[in-house]
C-alpha atoms as a PDB file:
ATOM      1  CA  MET A   1       6.372   7.848  -2.173  1.00  0.00           C
ATOM      2  CA  ILE A   2       2.952   7.629  -0.488  1.00  0.00           C
ATOM      3  CA  ARG A   3       1.335   4.447   0.780  1.00  0.00           C
ATOM      4  CA  GLU A   4      -1.034   4.064  -1.994  1.00  0.00           C
ATOM      5  CA  GLU A   5       1.780   4.245  -4.596  1.00  0.00           C
ATOM      6  CA  ILE A   6       3.686   1.518  -2.545  1.00  0.00           C
ATOM      7  CA  GLU A   7       0.601  -0.623  -2.356  1.00  0.00           C
ATOM      8  CA  ASP A   8       0.021  -0.350  -6.147  1.00  0.00           C
ATOM      9  CA  LEU A   9       3.604  -1.175  -6.775  1.00  0.00           C
ATOM     10  CA  VAL A  10       3.554  -4.176  -4.473  1.00  0.00           C
ATOM     11  CA  GLU A  11       0.585  -5.638  -6.090  1.00  0.00           C
ATOM     12  CA  GLU A  12       2.124  -5.167  -9.508  1.00  0.00           C
ATOM     13  CA  VAL A  13       5.284  -6.907  -8.333  1.00  0.00           C
ATOM     14  CA  ILE A  14       3.450  -9.660  -6.710  1.00  0.00           C
ATOM     15  CA  GLN A  15       1.779 -10.410 -10.204  1.00  0.00           C
ATOM     16  CA  LEU A  16       4.946 -10.070 -12.107  1.00  0.00           C
ATOM     17  CA  VAL A  17       6.978 -12.522 -10.033  1.00  0.00           C
ATOM     18  CA  GLY A  18       4.035 -14.821  -9.547  1.00  0.00           C
ATOM     19  CA  ALA A  19       4.110 -14.548  -5.660  1.00  0.00           C
ATOM     20  CA  SER A  20       1.500 -16.420  -3.813  1.00  0.00           C
ATOM     21  CA  SER A  21       2.725 -16.868  -0.198  1.00  0.00           C
ATOM     22  CA  MET A  22       5.163 -15.634   2.405  1.00  0.00           C
ATOM     23  CA  ALA A  23       7.702 -17.958   0.872  1.00  0.00           C
ATOM     24  CA  ASP A  24       7.980 -15.441  -1.961  1.00  0.00           C
ATOM     25  CA  ILE A  25       8.551 -12.479   0.112  1.00  0.00           C
ATOM     26  CA  GLY A  26      12.180 -12.225  -0.818  1.00  0.00           C
ATOM     27  CA  LYS A  27      11.542 -12.063  -4.412  1.00  0.00           C
ATOM     28  CA  VAL A  28       8.843  -9.381  -4.106  1.00  0.00           C
ATOM     29  CA  ILE A  29      10.838  -7.186  -1.668  1.00  0.00           C
ATOM     30  CA  GLY A  30      13.994  -7.505  -3.818  1.00  0.00           C
ATOM     31  CA  GLU A  31      12.167  -6.307  -6.933  1.00  0.00           C
ATOM     32  CA  ILE A  32      10.341  -3.469  -5.254  1.00  0.00           C
ATOM     33  CA  MET A  33      13.606  -2.199  -3.563  1.00  0.00           C
ATOM     34  CA  LEU A  34      15.326  -2.057  -7.000  1.00  0.00           C
ATOM     35  CA  ARG A  35      12.353   0.060  -8.369  1.00  0.00           C
ATOM     36  CA  ILE A  36      11.933   2.603  -5.472  1.00  0.00           C
ATOM     37  CA  LYS A  37      15.751   3.160  -4.965  1.00  0.00           C
ATOM     38  CA  GLY A  38      15.360   4.816  -1.639  1.00  0.00           C
ATOM     39  CA  ARG A  39      12.250   6.790  -2.194  1.00  0.00           C
ATOM     40  CA  ALA A  40      10.241   4.804   0.294  1.00  0.00           C
ATOM     41  CA  ASP A  41      10.814   3.467   3.871  1.00  0.00           C
ATOM     42  CA  GLY A  42      11.968  -0.277   3.788  1.00  0.00           C
ATOM     43  CA  ARG A  43       9.936  -1.048   6.912  1.00  0.00           C
ATOM     44  CA  LEU A  44       6.674   0.200   5.472  1.00  0.00           C
ATOM     45  CA  VAL A  45       7.352  -1.786   2.224  1.00  0.00           C
ATOM     46  CA  ASN A  46       8.048  -4.797   4.192  1.00  0.00           C
ATOM     47  CA  GLN A  47       4.848  -4.392   6.208  1.00  0.00           C
ATOM     48  CA  ILE A  48       2.777  -3.881   2.978  1.00  0.00           C
ATOM     49  CA  VAL A  49       4.256  -6.870   1.333  1.00  0.00           C
ATOM     50  CA  LYS A  50       3.614  -9.076   4.327  1.00  0.00           C
ATOM     51  CA  ASP A  51      -0.032  -7.760   4.405  1.00  0.00           C
ATOM     52  CA  LYS A  52      -0.657  -8.537   0.874  1.00  0.00           C
ATOM     53  CA  LEU A  53       0.945 -11.930   0.906  1.00  0.00           C
ATOM     54  CA  SER A  54      -0.676 -13.386   4.062  1.00  0.00           C
END
């Protein structure tokens, strides 16, 4: 997956789970990892989620 696809997915999941702060990072990353199933680097996903939630 390219970065833009991951960013779009992160935004979608943040809205889906109602995340609004870093306290919700576990819910967001958990849902994303279920959806990407190894198609993206976990470190990149983690960094994008942190950027979006901070």
